[in-house]
Amino acid sequence: STIRIAVYADNFKKDAEYLNAAIRAIQKFTGRTIELSSVNSGAIGGSQNIVFWLSEKMPPESQIKNLRAGASLFVYQKGKTEEINSMIVLPEHSLQKEAIALKKRIPLAERSKNNFAVWEDGFGQPLLDQEIKNKVKLYHFYSRFNPEWNGLVWNEDFAKILIPLIIPDLRNQSFELNDRRSLTESLIIPAKAQIISGTDLKNAESDLKHVFWISLMLLFLAERWLSFRKNLN
């Protein structure tokens, strides 16, 4: 089915460019049909699956109620900017390949007990949390899609990181997001390695002794033969 995504950029045009590029990459990699559109304030359609509201001004309550049940609304949290030297911590199942730097964030104010953290900072504070409001999944983002704020948009896995938000029903194994495969013991042991019992080890040592004495005897005979030829000459 078609996934309808709307992006409202407000004063964050550059952020929207990074986001739109990631969404187009998701469409290419997954093969899903995605309708991506830019909207103005107050023009959110009720048919949208997810709306990225890149603004510090919350959309009107009437617009939130206009979204269909099960839709998602991603909003920039408003507040005073805080400089921070930390990292973005994704869920354990994401198999995060490398640390994603976090330079700025909006300090966490009072939050509902019904909210739960989706992403956190290195201090365990929510960086992206979710609540259910009028049957809509409302995501609060305490940073920005901007390299001055974090290393998220320049990370090679930026598109993959967004997949659970945009296509929750997608099995992420093909994108290594939930890849928990591990090597079995038989694969870890080198192909030529063998487990040798005590009896086999003694037999192997005995065989090596025979090889050693035979080699020594051949070397002695060769030396005697060369010496004999030298004397004849």
C-alpha atoms as a PDB file:
ATOM      1  CA  SER A   1       0.000   0.000   0.000  1.00  0.00           C
ATOM      2  CA  THR A   2       1.038   3.588  -0.546  1.00  0.00           C
ATOM      3  CA  ILE A   3       2.764   5.344   2.346  1.00  0.00           C
ATOM      4  CA  ARG A   4       1.884   9.031   2.436  1.00  0.00           C
ATOM      5  CA  ILE A   5       4.440  11.305   4.092  1.00  0.00           C
ATOM      6  CA  ALA A   6       4.123  15.041   4.559  1.00  0.00           C
ATOM      7  CA  VAL A   7       6.965  17.340   5.617  1.00  0.00           C
ATOM      8  CA  TYR A   8       6.439  20.800   7.043  1.00  0.00           C
ATOM      9  CA  ALA A   9       9.766  22.655   7.074  1.00  0.00           C
ATOM     10  CA  ASP A  10       8.875  26.069   8.538  1.00  0.00           C
ATOM     11  CA  ASN A  11      12.296  27.697   9.229  1.00  0.00           C
ATOM     12  CA  PHE A  12      14.203  24.419   8.922  1.00  0.00           C
ATOM     13  CA  LYS A  13      14.528  24.140   5.144  1.00  0.00           C
ATOM     14  CA  LYS A  14      17.955  22.494   5.297  1.00  0.00           C
ATOM     15  CA  ASP A  15      16.725  19.916   7.788  1.00  0.00           C
ATOM     16  CA  ALA A  16      13.893  19.061   5.418  1.00  0.00           C
ATOM     17  CA  GLU A  17      16.374  18.499   2.575  1.00  0.00           C
ATOM     18  CA  TYR A  18      18.312  15.929   4.628  1.00  0.00           C
ATOM     19  CA  LEU A  19      15.059  14.238   5.653  1.00  0.00           C
ATOM     20  CA  ASN A  20      13.638  14.160   2.116  1.00  0.00           C
ATOM     21  CA  ALA A  21      16.856  12.583   0.805  1.00  0.00           C
ATOM     22  CA  ALA A  22      16.633   9.859   3.455  1.00  0.00           C
ATOM     23  CA  ILE A  23      12.978   9.163   2.627  1.00  0.00           C
ATOM     24  CA  ARG A  24      13.805   8.835  -1.078  1.00  0.00           C
ATOM     25  CA  ALA A  25      16.585   6.386  -0.152  1.00  0.00           C
ATOM     26  CA  ILE A  26      14.109   4.340   1.901  1.00  0.00           C
ATOM     27  CA  GLN A  27      11.754   4.213  -1.068  1.00  0.00           C
ATOM     28  CA  LYS A  28      14.571   3.025  -3.344  1.00  0.00           C
ATOM     29  CA  PHE A  29      15.885   0.364  -0.971  1.00  0.00           C
ATOM     30  CA  THR A  30      12.519  -1.027   0.145  1.00  0.00           C
ATOM     31  CA  GLY A  31      10.643  -0.749  -3.142  1.00  0.00           C
ATOM     32  CA  ARG A  32       7.628   0.597  -1.258  1.00  0.00           C
ATOM     33  CA  THR A  33       5.420   3.220  -2.867  1.00  0.00           C
ATOM     34  CA  ILE A  34       5.873   6.482  -0.979  1.00  0.00           C
ATOM     35  CA  GLU A  35       4.092   9.747  -1.694  1.00  0.00           C
ATOM     36  CA  LEU A  36       6.263  12.538  -0.313  1.00  0.00           C
ATOM     37  CA  SER A  37       4.855  16.040  -0.161  1.00  0.00           C
ATOM     38  CA  SER A  38       5.692  19.378   1.389  1.00  0.00           C
ATOM     39  CA  VAL A  39       2.874  21.093   3.244  1.00  0.00           C
ATOM     40  CA  ASN A  40       2.204  24.516   4.643  1.00  0.00           C
ATOM     41  CA  SER A  41       1.034  25.268   8.134  1.00  0.00           C
ATOM     42  CA  GLY A  42      -2.536  24.175   8.673  1.00  0.00           C
ATOM     43  CA  ALA A  43      -2.620  22.029   5.522  1.00  0.00           C
ATOM     44  CA  ILE A  44      -2.110  18.532   6.942  1.00  0.00           C
ATOM     45  CA  GLY A  45      -4.345  16.039   5.192  1.00  0.00           C
ATOM     46  CA  GLY A  46      -6.092  13.327   7.132  1.00  0.00           C
ATOM     47  CA  SER A  47      -4.815  10.645   4.771  1.00  0.00           C
ATOM     48  CA  GLN A  48      -1.153  11.020   5.807  1.00  0.00           C
ATOM     49  CA  ASN A  49       0.593   8.036   7.365  1.00  0.00           C
ATOM     50  CA  ILE A  50       3.284  10.207   8.939  1.00  0.00           C
ATOM     51  CA  VAL A  51       3.865  13.937   9.201  1.00  0.00           C
ATOM     52  CA  PHE A  52       7.295  15.386   9.962  1.00  0.00           C
ATOM     53  CA  TRP A  53       6.529  18.738  11.572  1.00  0.00           C
ATOM     54  CA  LEU A  54       9.940  20.424  11.519  1.00  0.00           C
ATOM     55  CA  SER A  55       8.913  23.446  13.510  1.00  0.00           C
ATOM     56  CA  GLU A  56       9.137  24.661  17.069  1.00  0.00           C
ATOM     57  CA  LYS A  57       5.468  25.593  16.865  1.00  0.00           C
ATOM     58  CA  MET A  58       3.120  22.713  17.485  1.00  0.00           C
ATOM     59  CA  PRO A  59       0.477  22.122  14.805  1.00  0.00           C
ATOM     60  CA  PRO A  60      -3.039  23.185  15.699  1.00  0.00           C
ATOM     61  CA  GLU A  61      -4.913  20.685  17.816  1.00  0.00           C
ATOM     62  CA  SER A  62      -7.530  20.444  15.104  1.00  0.00           C
ATOM     63  CA  GLN A  63      -4.844  19.257  12.673  1.00  0.00           C
ATOM     64  CA  ILE A  64      -3.707  16.532  15.065  1.00  0.00           C
ATOM     65  CA  LYS A  65      -7.301  15.360  15.468  1.00  0.00           C
ATOM     66  CA  ASN A  66      -7.613  15.364  11.687  1.00  0.00           C
ATOM     67  CA  LEU A  67      -4.975  12.633  11.379  1.00  0.00           C
ATOM     68  CA  ARG A  68      -6.315   9.131  11.018  1.00  0.00           C
ATOM     69  CA  ALA A  69      -5.934   6.560  13.776  1.00  0.00           C
ATOM     70  CA  GLY A  70      -2.510   4.932  13.757  1.00  0.00           C
ATOM     71  CA  ALA A  71      -0.822   7.817  11.935  1.00  0.00           C
ATOM     72  CA  SER A  72       2.428   9.312  13.243  1.00  0.00           C
ATOM     73  CA  LEU A  73       3.329  12.926  13.925  1.00  0.00           C
ATOM     74  CA  PHE A  74       7.023  13.784  14.390  1.00  0.00           C
ATOM     75  CA  VAL A  75       7.596  17.216  15.953  1.00  0.00           C
ATOM     76  CA  TYR A  76      10.602  19.316  16.946  1.00  0.00           C
ATOM     77  CA  GLN A  77      10.481  19.936  20.680  1.00  0.00           C
ATOM     78  CA  LYS A  78      10.663  23.588  21.595  1.00  0.00           C
ATOM     79  CA  GLY A  79      13.047  24.882  24.272  1.00  0.00           C
ATOM     80  CA  LYS A  80      16.375  26.480  25.060  1.00  0.00           C
ATOM     81  CA  THR A  81      19.297  24.991  23.138  1.00  0.00           C
ATOM     82  CA  GLU A  82      21.824  23.149  25.304  1.00  0.00           C
ATOM     83  CA  GLU A  83      25.400  22.382  24.228  1.00  0.00           C
ATOM     84  CA  ILE A  84      26.281  18.786  24.984  1.00  0.00           C
ATOM     85  CA  ASN A  85      29.136  16.375  24.335  1.00  0.00           C
ATOM     86  CA  SER A  86      27.370  13.072  24.086  1.00  0.00           C
ATOM     87  CA  MET A  87      26.027  10.552  21.595  1.00  0.00           C
ATOM     88  CA  ILE A  88      22.739   9.294  20.226  1.00  0.00           C
ATOM     89  CA  VAL A  89      21.867   5.886  21.605  1.00  0.00           C
ATOM     90  CA  LEU A  90      19.522   3.867  19.407  1.00  0.00           C
ATOM     91  CA  PRO A  91      17.541   0.808  20.532  1.00  0.00           C
ATOM     92  CA  GLU A  92      19.626  -2.285  21.241  1.00  0.00           C
ATOM     93  CA  HIS A  93      18.156  -4.137  18.248  1.00  0.00           C
ATOM     94  CA  SER A  94      19.422  -1.460  15.826  1.00  0.00           C
ATOM     95  CA  LEU A  95      22.979  -2.878  16.032  1.00  0.00           C
ATOM     96  CA  GLN A  96      24.392   0.615  15.908  1.00  0.00           C
ATOM     97  CA  LYS A  97      27.682   0.365  13.982  1.00  0.00           C
ATOM     98  CA  GLU A  98      29.340   3.516  15.263  1.00  0.00           C
ATOM     99  CA  ALA A  99      28.768   6.271  17.778  1.00  0.00           C
ATOM    100  CA  ILE A 100      26.608   9.140  16.502  1.00  0.00           C
ATOM    101  CA  ALA A 101      27.778  12.402  18.021  1.00  0.00           C
ATOM    102  CA  LEU A 102      25.283  14.616  19.822  1.00  0.00           C
ATOM    103  CA  LYS A 103      26.345  18.276  20.060  1.00  0.00           C
ATOM    104  CA  LYS A 104      23.122  20.091  20.902  1.00  0.00           C
ATOM    105  CA  ARG A 105      19.796  19.159  22.382  1.00  0.00           C
ATOM    106  CA  ILE A 106      16.711  20.632  23.986  1.00  0.00           C
ATOM    107  CA  PRO A 107      16.761  19.920  27.727  1.00  0.00           C
ATOM    108  CA  LEU A 108      14.071  17.527  28.833  1.00  0.00           C
ATOM    109  CA  ALA A 109      11.282  19.298  30.672  1.00  0.00           C
ATOM    110  CA  GLU A 110       8.357  17.665  32.397  1.00  0.00           C
ATOM    111  CA  ARG A 111       7.132  14.681  30.426  1.00  0.00           C
ATOM    112  CA  SER A 112       4.121  12.442  30.735  1.00  0.00           C
ATOM    113  CA  LYS A 113       4.563   9.096  32.425  1.00  0.00           C
ATOM    114  CA  ASN A 114       2.900   7.593  29.364  1.00  0.00           C
ATOM    115  CA  ASN A 115       5.798   8.654  27.121  1.00  0.00           C
ATOM    116  CA  PHE A 116       8.550   6.175  26.401  1.00  0.00           C
ATOM    117  CA  ALA A 117      12.004   6.788  24.959  1.00  0.00           C
ATOM    118  CA  VAL A 118      12.731   5.669  21.395  1.00  0.00           C
ATOM    119  CA  TRP A 119      16.224   7.222  21.194  1.00  0.00           C
ATOM    120  CA  GLU A 120      18.318   8.431  24.126  1.00  0.00           C
ATOM    121  CA  ASP A 121      21.461  10.450  24.696  1.00  0.00           C
ATOM    122  CA  GLY A 122      24.582   9.062  26.335  1.00  0.00           C
ATOM    123  CA  PHE A 123      23.263  10.033  29.762  1.00  0.00           C
ATOM    124  CA  GLY A 124      20.097   7.990  29.387  1.00  0.00           C
ATOM    125  CA  GLN A 125      17.848  10.986  28.767  1.00  0.00           C
ATOM    126  CA  PRO A 126      15.177  10.652  26.040  1.00  0.00           C
ATOM    127  CA  LEU A 127      16.167  12.297  22.772  1.00  0.00           C
ATOM    128  CA  LEU A 128      13.141  11.022  20.888  1.00  0.00           C
ATOM    129  CA  ASP A 129      10.122   9.855  22.814  1.00  0.00           C
ATOM    130  CA  GLN A 130       6.650   8.773  21.871  1.00  0.00           C
ATOM    131  CA  GLU A 131       3.195   9.221  23.283  1.00  0.00           C
ATOM    132  CA  ILE A 132      -0.239   8.265  22.022  1.00  0.00           C
ATOM    133  CA  LYS A 133      -2.545  11.235  21.552  1.00  0.00           C
ATOM    134  CA  ASN A 134      -5.998  10.901  19.997  1.00  0.00           C
ATOM    135  CA  LYS A 135      -4.941   7.512  18.583  1.00  0.00           C
ATOM    136  CA  VAL A 136      -1.968   9.193  16.886  1.00  0.00           C
ATOM    137  CA  LYS A 137       1.669   8.297  17.635  1.00  0.00           C
ATOM    138  CA  LEU A 138       3.239  11.602  18.613  1.00  0.00           C
ATOM    139  CA  TYR A 139       7.055  11.697  18.513  1.00  0.00           C
ATOM    140  CA  HIS A 140       8.912  14.491  20.348  1.00  0.00           C
ATOM    141  CA  PHE A 141      12.436  15.090  19.014  1.00  0.00           C
ATOM    142  CA  TYR A 142      14.775  16.956  21.353  1.00  0.00           C
ATOM    143  CA  SER A 143      17.376  17.678  18.684  1.00  0.00           C
ATOM    144  CA  ARG A 144      17.351  18.549  14.967  1.00  0.00           C
ATOM    145  CA  PHE A 145      18.124  16.955  11.603  1.00  0.00           C
ATOM    146  CA  ASN A 146      21.148  19.192  11.257  1.00  0.00           C
ATOM    147  CA  PRO A 147      24.905  18.431  11.380  1.00  0.00           C
ATOM    148  CA  GLU A 148      25.396  21.378  13.735  1.00  0.00           C
ATOM    149  CA  TRP A 149      23.271  19.501  16.247  1.00  0.00           C
ATOM    150  CA  ASN A 150      24.386  15.906  15.732  1.00  0.00           C
ATOM    151  CA  GLY A 151      25.996  13.435  13.340  1.00  0.00           C
ATOM    152  CA  LEU A 152      22.718  11.762  12.453  1.00  0.00           C
ATOM    153  CA  VAL A 153      22.154  13.158   8.951  1.00  0.00           C
ATOM    154  CA  TRP A 154      25.733  12.390   7.864  1.00  0.00           C
ATOM    155  CA  ASN A 155      25.633   8.852   9.193  1.00  0.00           C
ATOM    156  CA  GLU A 156      25.565   6.218   6.444  1.00  0.00           C
ATOM    157  CA  ASP A 157      22.689   4.470   8.227  1.00  0.00           C
ATOM    158  CA  PHE A 158      20.489   7.571   8.583  1.00  0.00           C
ATOM    159  CA  ALA A 159      17.831   6.163   6.241  1.00  0.00           C
ATOM    160  CA  LYS A 160      17.880   2.779   7.988  1.00  0.00           C
ATOM    161  CA  ILE A 161      17.466   4.475  11.360  1.00  0.00           C
ATOM    162  CA  LEU A 162      14.264   6.158  10.142  1.00  0.00           C
ATOM    163  CA  ILE A 163      12.699   2.972   8.739  1.00  0.00           C
ATOM    164  CA  PRO A 164      11.026   1.860  12.027  1.00  0.00           C
ATOM    165  CA  LEU A 165       9.332   5.283  12.214  1.00  0.00           C
ATOM    166  CA  ILE A 166       8.183   5.366   8.590  1.00  0.00           C
ATOM    167  CA  ILE A 167       7.451   1.681   7.889  1.00  0.00           C
ATOM    168  CA  PRO A 168       6.832   0.038  11.279  1.00  0.00           C
ATOM    169  CA  ASP A 169       5.613  -3.198   9.707  1.00  0.00           C
ATOM    170  CA  LEU A 170       8.760  -3.726   7.656  1.00  0.00           C
ATOM    171  CA  ARG A 171      10.993  -6.631   8.611  1.00  0.00           C
ATOM    172  CA  ASN A 172      14.317  -4.884   9.074  1.00  0.00           C
ATOM    173  CA  GLN A 173      16.582  -7.912   8.788  1.00  0.00           C
ATOM    174  CA  SER A 174      17.528  -7.039   5.205  1.00  0.00           C
ATOM    175  CA  PHE A 175      18.783  -3.688   6.475  1.00  0.00           C
ATOM    176  CA  GLU A 176      20.803  -5.227   9.326  1.00  0.00           C
ATOM    177  CA  LEU A 177      18.661  -3.403  11.859  1.00  0.00           C
ATOM    178  CA  ASN A 178      17.542  -6.557  13.659  1.00  0.00           C
ATOM    179  CA  ASP A 179      20.301  -8.872  12.496  1.00  0.00           C
ATOM    180  CA  ARG A 180      21.139 -11.045  15.510  1.00  0.00           C
ATOM    181  CA  ARG A 181      22.768 -13.865  13.562  1.00  0.00           C
ATOM    182  CA  SER A 182      25.866 -15.345  15.163  1.00  0.00           C
ATOM    183  CA  LEU A 183      28.455 -17.908  14.117  1.00  0.00           C
ATOM    184  CA  THR A 184      28.071 -21.444  15.383  1.00  0.00           C
ATOM    185  CA  GLU A 185      30.997 -23.104  17.110  1.00  0.00           C
ATOM    186  CA  SER A 186      31.589 -25.328  14.079  1.00  0.00           C
ATOM    187  CA  LEU A 187      31.981 -22.221  11.894  1.00  0.00           C
ATOM    188  CA  ILE A 188      34.316 -20.490  14.330  1.00  0.00           C
ATOM    189  CA  ILE A 189      36.759 -23.442  14.444  1.00  0.00           C
ATOM    190  CA  PRO A 190      39.116 -23.297  11.429  1.00  0.00           C
ATOM    191  CA  ALA A 191      38.240 -25.840   8.745  1.00  0.00           C
ATOM    192  CA  LYS A 192      41.483 -27.836   9.219  1.00  0.00           C
ATOM    193  CA  ALA A 193      41.298 -27.922  12.988  1.00  0.00           C
ATOM    194  CA  GLN A 194      40.426 -31.251  14.601  1.00  0.00           C
ATOM    195  CA  ILE A 195      39.790 -32.309  18.164  1.00  0.00           C
ATOM    196  CA  ILE A 196      42.380 -35.025  18.968  1.00  0.00           C
ATOM    197  CA  SER A 197      41.808 -37.498  21.755  1.00  0.00           C
ATOM    198  CA  GLY A 198      44.610 -38.623  24.097  1.00  0.00           C
ATOM    199  CA  THR A 199      45.057 -41.967  22.255  1.00  0.00           C
ATOM    200  CA  ASP A 200      45.165 -40.277  18.847  1.00  0.00           C
ATOM    201  CA  LEU A 201      47.713 -37.786  20.182  1.00  0.00           C
ATOM    202  CA  LYS A 202      50.048 -40.613  21.333  1.00  0.00           C
ATOM    203  CA  ASN A 203      49.713 -42.319  17.957  1.00  0.00           C
ATOM    204  CA  ALA A 204      50.502 -39.056  16.197  1.00  0.00           C
ATOM    205  CA  GLU A 205      53.622 -38.570  18.351  1.00  0.00           C
ATOM    206  CA  SER A 206      54.730 -42.143  17.591  1.00  0.00           C
ATOM    207  CA  ASP A 207      54.296 -41.569  13.847  1.00  0.00           C
ATOM    208  CA  LEU A 208      56.392 -38.414  14.065  1.00  0.00           C
ATOM    209  CA  LYS A 209      59.213 -40.326  15.836  1.00  0.00           C
ATOM    210  CA  HIS A 210      59.324 -42.856  13.007  1.00  0.00           C
ATOM    211  CA  VAL A 211      59.474 -40.076  10.427  1.00  0.00           C
ATOM    212  CA  PHE A 212      62.286 -38.399  12.357  1.00  0.00           C
ATOM    213  CA  TRP A 213      64.458 -41.564  12.577  1.00  0.00           C
ATOM    214  CA  ILE A 214      63.887 -42.487   8.940  1.00  0.00           C
ATOM    215  CA  SER A 215      64.851 -38.954   7.881  1.00  0.00           C
ATOM    216  CA  LEU A 216      67.986 -39.105  10.049  1.00  0.00           C
ATOM    217  CA  MET A 217      68.974 -42.493   8.553  1.00  0.00           C
ATOM    218  CA  LEU A 218      68.512 -41.206   4.990  1.00  0.00           C
ATOM    219  CA  LEU A 219      70.591 -38.148   5.792  1.00  0.00           C
ATOM    220  CA  PHE A 220      73.370 -40.361   7.233  1.00  0.00           C
ATOM    221  CA  LEU A 221      73.382 -42.643   4.155  1.00  0.00           C
ATOM    222  CA  ALA A 222      73.479 -39.644   1.819  1.00  0.00           C
ATOM    223  CA  GLU A 223      76.449 -38.200   3.717  1.00  0.00           C
ATOM    224  CA  ARG A 224      78.283 -41.584   3.562  1.00  0.00           C
ATOM    225  CA  TRP A 225      77.611 -41.904  -0.158  1.00  0.00           C
ATOM    226  CA  LEU A 226      78.920 -38.412  -0.905  1.00  0.00           C
ATOM    227  CA  SER A 227      82.025 -39.119   1.189  1.00  0.00           C
ATOM    228  CA  PHE A 228      82.630 -42.390  -0.655  1.00  0.00           C
ATOM    229  CA  ARG A 229      82.414 -40.694  -4.066  1.00  0.00           C
ATOM    230  CA  LYS A 230      84.837 -38.011  -2.918  1.00  0.00           C
ATOM    231  CA  ASN A 231      87.390 -40.662  -1.885  1.00  0.00           C
ATOM    232  CA  LEU A 232      87.117 -42.399  -5.262  1.00  0.00           C
ATOM    233  CA  ASN A 233      87.923 -39.151  -7.041  1.00  0.00           C
END
